[in-house]
Amino acid sequence: MCRWIAYSGTPVLLSQVLLQPKHSLIDQSLHSRMGVETTNGDGFGIGWYQEETAEPAVLRDISPAWNNRNLREIARHTRSGLFFGHIRASTGTAVQQSNCHPFRSGRWMWMHNGAISEFHRLRRDLALAVDPSLYADIEGSTDSELMFFLALTFGLTEDPPAAVARMAGLIETTADARGVPLPLQMTVAVTDGERVWAFRYSSEGRSRSLYVSAEVDALRALHPDVSFLRELSDETRLVVSEPLGDLPGAWNEVPENSYGVVQPGESALHDFRPEYAGLPPSGR
């Protein structure tokens, strides 16, 4: 599996989030506490937005995050108010740059932790459901990227929760037709550069870990001695596969079968269920 982090809020150097915390994403690449694997060394990726451009910049590499000099160099000199970081542990597909997250389409970014069970049996049926106008943009061979393009097919750019629900429903319907039980395990983050949607769902109801940071004003009250908190806006949030440190009260677990929206103003949390209507099983 993988580990990932999504940051939205006051522009900061990427290094302040990706490198400096006690249990940073770099530390998790070697010493994950909550992942299926302790070590996540099959590549990494970061994606970030800057005011000058609508599309995010993306850096992806197959080397382990813990010893990549380019990652450290860019993180120490790049400031952004919305960025993704991902470290990969392959579930069977090749270790290659095109299989590293985050994935990008226009101004949209997507990253995933989890897997589609027996993906090799379901890949063809699922790929045939991708809109032909989008199919040529698929670069790699992962289930994660295919999930992204299925969500795009189902209207991600207009209604992300509905599109992800239809994507999940198609995977489960297709798996049922092929005799694959409990096919989907996912924590997903997707953004358009303004809002971040984060989903936690699995067919078995035992999803991979996912946490969101507490409200900044509450953290300031709990920890007035932490100077870093004084620099952040009240709307700053992090969504992470596992907490970046042990600061009491800093992290809230995202509930099973739910999704959250981090956005200007009030963030929101909602129930999540796959959508099956109008999705006949592929391959029948």
Protein backbone atom coordinates (compact mmCIF):
# COMPACT_ATOMS: atom_id res chain seq x y z
CA MET A 1 0.00 0.00 0.00
CA CYS A 2 1.04 3.66 0.25
CA ARG A 3 1.11 6.76 2.45
CA TRP A 4 -0.03 10.23 1.44
CA ILE A 5 -0.65 13.77 2.65
CA ALA A 6 -2.82 16.62 1.35
CA TYR A 7 -2.24 20.18 2.58
CA SER A 8 -4.59 23.15 2.11
CA GLY A 9 -4.24 26.54 3.77
CA THR A 10 -1.66 29.23 4.39
CA PRO A 11 1.14 28.99 1.82
CA VAL A 12 4.18 27.31 3.39
CA LEU A 13 7.40 25.78 2.19
CA LEU A 14 6.70 22.18 1.22
CA SER A 15 9.57 21.12 3.49
CA GLN A 16 7.67 22.35 6.58
CA VAL A 17 5.08 19.61 6.01
CA LEU A 18 6.89 16.95 3.99
CA LEU A 19 10.29 16.94 5.73
CA GLN A 20 10.30 18.64 9.13
CA PRO A 21 7.59 16.95 11.28
CA LYS A 22 8.70 14.21 13.68
CA HIS A 23 6.82 11.56 11.70
CA SER A 24 6.97 13.27 8.32
CA LEU A 25 6.09 11.63 5.04
CA ILE A 26 9.81 11.02 4.54
CA ASP A 27 10.01 9.24 7.89
CA GLN A 28 6.92 7.22 6.95
CA SER A 29 8.64 6.05 3.78
CA LEU A 30 10.98 4.09 6.05
CA HIS A 31 8.98 3.67 9.27
CA SER A 32 5.27 3.62 8.58
CA ARG A 33 3.31 2.80 11.74
CA MET A 34 -0.16 2.21 10.29
CA GLY A 35 0.43 1.02 6.73
CA VAL A 36 0.31 -2.54 5.47
CA GLU A 37 4.06 -2.25 4.80
CA THR A 38 6.54 -0.56 7.11
CA THR A 39 8.64 0.58 4.15
CA ASN A 40 7.21 2.51 1.20
CA GLY A 41 10.13 2.67 -1.23
CA ASP A 42 8.63 2.14 -4.69
CA GLY A 43 8.74 5.76 -5.70
CA PHE A 44 7.20 9.06 -4.64
CA GLY A 45 5.45 12.08 -6.02
CA ILE A 46 4.53 15.63 -5.09
CA GLY A 47 2.14 18.00 -6.80
CA TRP A 48 1.58 21.66 -5.98
CA TYR A 49 -0.30 24.72 -7.14
CA GLN A 50 1.00 28.26 -7.50
CA GLU A 51 -0.98 31.39 -8.29
CA GLU A 52 0.77 31.96 -11.61
CA THR A 53 -0.59 28.79 -13.24
CA ALA A 54 -3.91 26.95 -13.20
CA GLU A 55 -2.41 23.48 -13.59
CA PRO A 56 -0.39 21.92 -10.79
CA ALA A 57 3.29 21.13 -11.12
CA VAL A 58 4.09 17.45 -10.55
CA LEU A 59 7.38 15.74 -9.66
CA ARG A 60 7.44 11.93 -9.66
CA ASP A 61 10.35 9.53 -9.37
CA ILE A 62 10.92 5.82 -8.82
CA SER A 63 13.65 6.31 -6.22
CA PRO A 64 12.78 6.07 -2.51
CA ALA A 65 11.68 9.37 -1.00
CA TRP A 66 14.12 9.11 1.89
CA ASN A 67 17.24 9.65 -0.25
CA ASN A 68 16.04 11.74 -3.18
CA ARG A 69 18.04 14.98 -3.32
CA ASN A 70 15.72 16.60 -5.88
CA LEU A 71 12.74 16.16 -3.56
CA ARG A 72 14.57 17.84 -0.68
CA GLU A 73 15.85 20.65 -2.91
CA ILE A 74 12.43 21.47 -4.36
CA ALA A 75 10.64 21.14 -0.99
CA ARG A 76 13.03 23.61 0.65
CA HIS A 77 12.53 26.26 -2.04
CA THR A 78 8.87 25.89 -3.08
CA ARG A 79 5.96 27.55 -1.30
CA SER A 80 2.34 26.57 -1.89
CA GLY A 81 -1.06 26.77 -0.25
CA LEU A 82 -2.29 23.48 -1.70
CA PHE A 83 -0.13 20.44 -2.36
CA PHE A 84 -0.08 16.65 -2.34
CA GLY A 85 2.68 14.25 -1.30
CA HIS A 86 2.64 10.49 -1.89
CA ILE A 87 5.02 7.60 -1.20
CA ARG A 88 4.35 4.34 -3.01
CA ALA A 89 4.43 0.68 -2.05
CA SER A 90 3.49 -1.25 -5.17
CA THR A 91 0.67 -3.80 -4.97
CA GLY A 92 1.99 -5.63 -8.01
CA THR A 93 2.26 -3.20 -10.91
CA ALA A 94 5.63 -2.06 -12.20
CA VAL A 95 7.89 0.39 -10.38
CA GLN A 96 8.04 3.08 -13.04
CA GLN A 97 7.61 6.84 -13.11
CA SER A 98 4.22 6.75 -14.81
CA ASN A 99 2.88 4.61 -11.95
CA CYS A 100 3.85 7.11 -9.24
CA HIS A 101 1.19 9.38 -7.74
CA PRO A 102 -0.23 11.98 -7.86
CA PHE A 103 -1.90 11.71 -11.23
CA ARG A 104 -2.89 14.86 -13.10
CA SER A 105 -5.50 15.82 -15.69
CA GLY A 106 -5.73 19.52 -16.46
CA ARG A 107 -6.00 21.32 -13.13
CA TRP A 108 -7.10 18.15 -11.29
CA MET A 109 -4.86 15.89 -9.15
CA TRP A 110 -5.60 12.46 -7.67
CA MET A 111 -3.77 10.10 -5.33
CA HIS A 112 -4.76 6.81 -3.73
CA ASN A 113 -3.84 4.33 -1.04
CA GLY A 114 -5.33 0.85 -1.39
CA ALA A 115 -5.95 -1.59 -4.19
CA ILE A 116 -8.46 -3.30 -6.43
CA SER A 117 -8.34 -6.99 -5.57
CA GLU A 118 -7.37 -9.28 -8.47
CA PHE A 119 -6.91 -6.21 -10.64
CA HIS A 120 -5.41 -8.32 -13.43
CA ARG A 121 -8.78 -10.05 -13.84
CA LEU A 122 -10.83 -6.85 -13.82
CA ARG A 123 -8.53 -4.44 -15.68
CA ARG A 124 -9.88 -5.00 -19.19
CA ASP A 125 -13.53 -4.63 -18.20
CA LEU A 126 -12.80 -1.48 -16.22
CA ALA A 127 -10.60 0.05 -18.91
CA LEU A 128 -13.38 -0.40 -21.49
CA ALA A 129 -15.60 1.83 -19.33
CA VAL A 130 -13.22 4.81 -19.63
CA ASP A 131 -14.43 7.52 -21.99
CA PRO A 132 -12.57 7.03 -25.31
CA SER A 133 -11.63 10.71 -25.36
CA LEU A 134 -9.75 10.22 -22.07
CA TYR A 135 -8.27 6.78 -22.60
CA ALA A 136 -5.19 7.92 -24.54
CA ASP A 137 -4.10 10.05 -21.55
CA ILE A 138 -3.60 7.00 -19.30
CA GLU A 139 0.18 6.65 -19.00
CA GLY A 140 0.75 3.84 -16.49
CA SER A 141 -0.59 0.44 -15.49
CA THR A 142 -1.90 0.97 -11.95
CA ASP A 143 -5.38 0.43 -10.59
CA SER A 144 -5.06 3.90 -8.98
CA GLU A 145 -4.68 5.75 -12.27
CA LEU A 146 -7.49 3.75 -13.86
CA MET A 147 -9.73 4.69 -10.90
CA PHE A 148 -8.91 8.36 -11.62
CA PHE A 149 -9.90 8.08 -15.26
CA LEU A 150 -13.08 6.22 -14.41
CA ALA A 151 -13.98 9.05 -12.01
CA LEU A 152 -13.24 11.57 -14.78
CA THR A 153 -15.48 9.55 -17.09
CA PHE A 154 -18.28 9.73 -14.53
CA GLY A 155 -18.09 13.52 -14.17
CA LEU A 156 -15.37 14.20 -11.60
CA THR A 157 -14.91 17.79 -12.76
CA GLU A 158 -18.61 18.57 -12.18
CA ASP A 159 -19.46 16.53 -9.06
CA PRO A 160 -16.52 14.72 -7.40
CA PRO A 161 -18.50 12.79 -4.72
CA ALA A 162 -21.00 11.47 -7.26
CA ALA A 163 -18.24 10.54 -9.72
CA VAL A 164 -16.21 8.67 -7.09
CA ALA A 165 -19.37 6.90 -5.92
CA ARG A 166 -20.10 5.71 -9.46
CA MET A 167 -16.47 4.66 -9.92
CA ALA A 168 -16.61 2.58 -6.73
CA GLY A 169 -19.95 1.12 -7.77
CA LEU A 170 -18.60 0.08 -11.16
CA ILE A 171 -15.61 -1.65 -9.59
CA GLU A 172 -17.80 -3.61 -7.17
CA THR A 173 -20.36 -4.49 -9.85
CA THR A 174 -17.65 -5.64 -12.25
CA ALA A 175 -15.94 -7.66 -9.53
CA ASP A 176 -19.23 -9.34 -8.61
CA ALA A 177 -19.69 -10.40 -12.23
CA ARG A 178 -16.19 -11.91 -12.23
CA GLY A 179 -16.54 -13.62 -8.87
CA VAL A 180 -14.08 -11.38 -7.04
CA PRO A 181 -15.19 -10.73 -3.44
CA LEU A 182 -14.52 -7.52 -1.49
CA PRO A 183 -12.69 -5.87 -4.39
CA LEU A 184 -12.12 -2.29 -3.33
CA GLN A 185 -9.86 -0.74 -0.71
CA MET A 186 -9.32 3.00 -0.96
CA THR A 187 -8.41 6.24 0.69
CA VAL A 188 -8.42 8.83 -2.08
CA ALA A 189 -7.58 12.53 -2.25
CA VAL A 190 -8.61 14.63 -5.24
CA THR A 191 -8.40 18.37 -5.81
CA ASP A 192 -9.14 21.04 -8.39
CA GLY A 193 -6.65 23.46 -6.85
CA GLU A 194 -9.28 25.15 -4.69
CA ARG A 195 -10.96 22.36 -2.72
CA VAL A 196 -9.76 18.94 -1.56
CA TRP A 197 -12.05 15.91 -1.36
CA ALA A 198 -10.85 12.95 0.72
CA PHE A 199 -12.61 9.56 0.67
CA ARG A 200 -12.30 6.57 2.99
CA TYR A 201 -14.07 3.39 1.87
CA SER A 202 -13.54 -0.36 1.45
CA SER A 203 -15.80 -3.18 0.35
CA GLU A 204 -15.05 -5.06 3.57
CA GLY A 205 -15.71 -2.10 5.86
CA ARG A 206 -12.15 -2.11 7.23
CA SER A 207 -10.52 0.74 5.37
CA ARG A 208 -6.94 1.95 5.52
CA SER A 209 -6.19 4.67 8.07
CA LEU A 210 -7.03 8.31 7.33
CA TYR A 211 -6.83 11.41 9.56
CA VAL A 212 -7.62 15.10 9.31
CA SER A 213 -5.99 17.82 11.40
CA ALA A 214 -8.05 19.59 14.04
CA GLU A 215 -9.15 23.20 13.61
CA VAL A 216 -6.18 25.51 13.96
CA ASP A 217 -7.80 27.81 16.54
CA ALA A 218 -8.46 24.79 18.78
CA LEU A 219 -4.85 23.68 18.41
CA ARG A 220 -3.59 27.15 19.34
CA ALA A 221 -5.66 27.01 22.52
CA LEU A 222 -4.33 23.55 23.37
CA HIS A 223 -0.71 24.35 22.51
CA PRO A 224 -0.01 28.09 22.82
CA ASP A 225 3.73 27.37 22.92
CA VAL A 226 3.83 25.94 19.37
CA SER A 227 4.93 28.93 17.30
CA PHE A 228 4.24 27.31 13.93
CA LEU A 229 0.49 27.33 14.65
CA ARG A 230 0.48 31.14 14.92
CA GLU A 231 1.51 31.40 11.28
CA LEU A 232 -1.43 29.36 9.92
CA SER A 233 -4.89 30.57 8.95
CA ASP A 234 -7.91 29.12 10.72
CA GLU A 235 -8.85 27.33 7.49
CA THR A 236 -5.58 25.39 7.18
CA ARG A 237 -6.08 21.62 7.15
CA LEU A 238 -4.02 18.50 6.53
CA VAL A 239 -5.43 15.13 5.51
CA VAL A 240 -2.97 12.28 6.08
CA SER A 241 -2.69 8.51 5.96
CA GLU A 242 -1.20 8.63 9.43
CA PRO A 243 -0.46 11.49 11.87
CA LEU A 244 2.72 13.50 11.41
CA GLY A 245 3.44 13.71 15.12
CA ASP A 246 2.16 13.12 18.65
CA LEU A 247 0.73 16.56 19.43
CA PRO A 248 -2.34 15.81 21.64
CA GLY A 249 -5.65 16.75 20.05
CA ALA A 250 -4.09 17.45 16.68
CA TRP A 251 -5.60 14.60 14.66
CA ASN A 252 -9.10 13.24 14.14
CA GLU A 253 -9.74 9.91 12.42
CA VAL A 254 -11.91 10.15 9.31
CA PRO A 255 -14.88 7.80 9.89
CA GLU A 256 -15.36 4.61 7.90
CA ASN A 257 -17.43 5.02 4.70
CA SER A 258 -17.20 8.81 4.57
CA TYR A 259 -15.71 11.69 2.65
CA GLY A 260 -14.67 15.16 3.66
CA VAL A 261 -14.35 18.43 1.77
CA VAL A 262 -11.61 20.90 2.71
CA GLN A 263 -12.58 24.27 1.27
CA PRO A 264 -12.60 28.02 1.96
CA GLY A 265 -15.10 28.65 4.71
CA GLU A 266 -16.45 25.66 6.59
CA SER A 267 -15.16 22.18 5.77
CA ALA A 268 -17.70 19.36 5.74
CA LEU A 269 -17.93 15.61 6.37
CA HIS A 270 -20.47 13.32 4.66
CA ASP A 271 -21.40 9.65 4.40
CA PHE A 272 -20.08 7.80 1.36
CA ARG A 273 -21.72 4.91 -0.47
CA PRO A 274 -20.98 3.48 -3.92
CA GLU A 275 -23.55 4.25 -6.59
CA TYR A 276 -24.75 1.24 -8.58
CA ALA A 277 -27.68 2.64 -10.55
CA GLY A 278 -27.21 2.41 -14.29
CA LEU A 279 -24.00 0.39 -14.03
CA PRO A 280 -24.53 -3.05 -15.60
CA PRO A 281 -21.77 -5.58 -14.80
CA SER A 282 -18.99 -5.48 -17.37
CA GLY A 283 -18.26 -8.72 -19.14
CA ARG A 284 -21.78 -10.14 -19.01
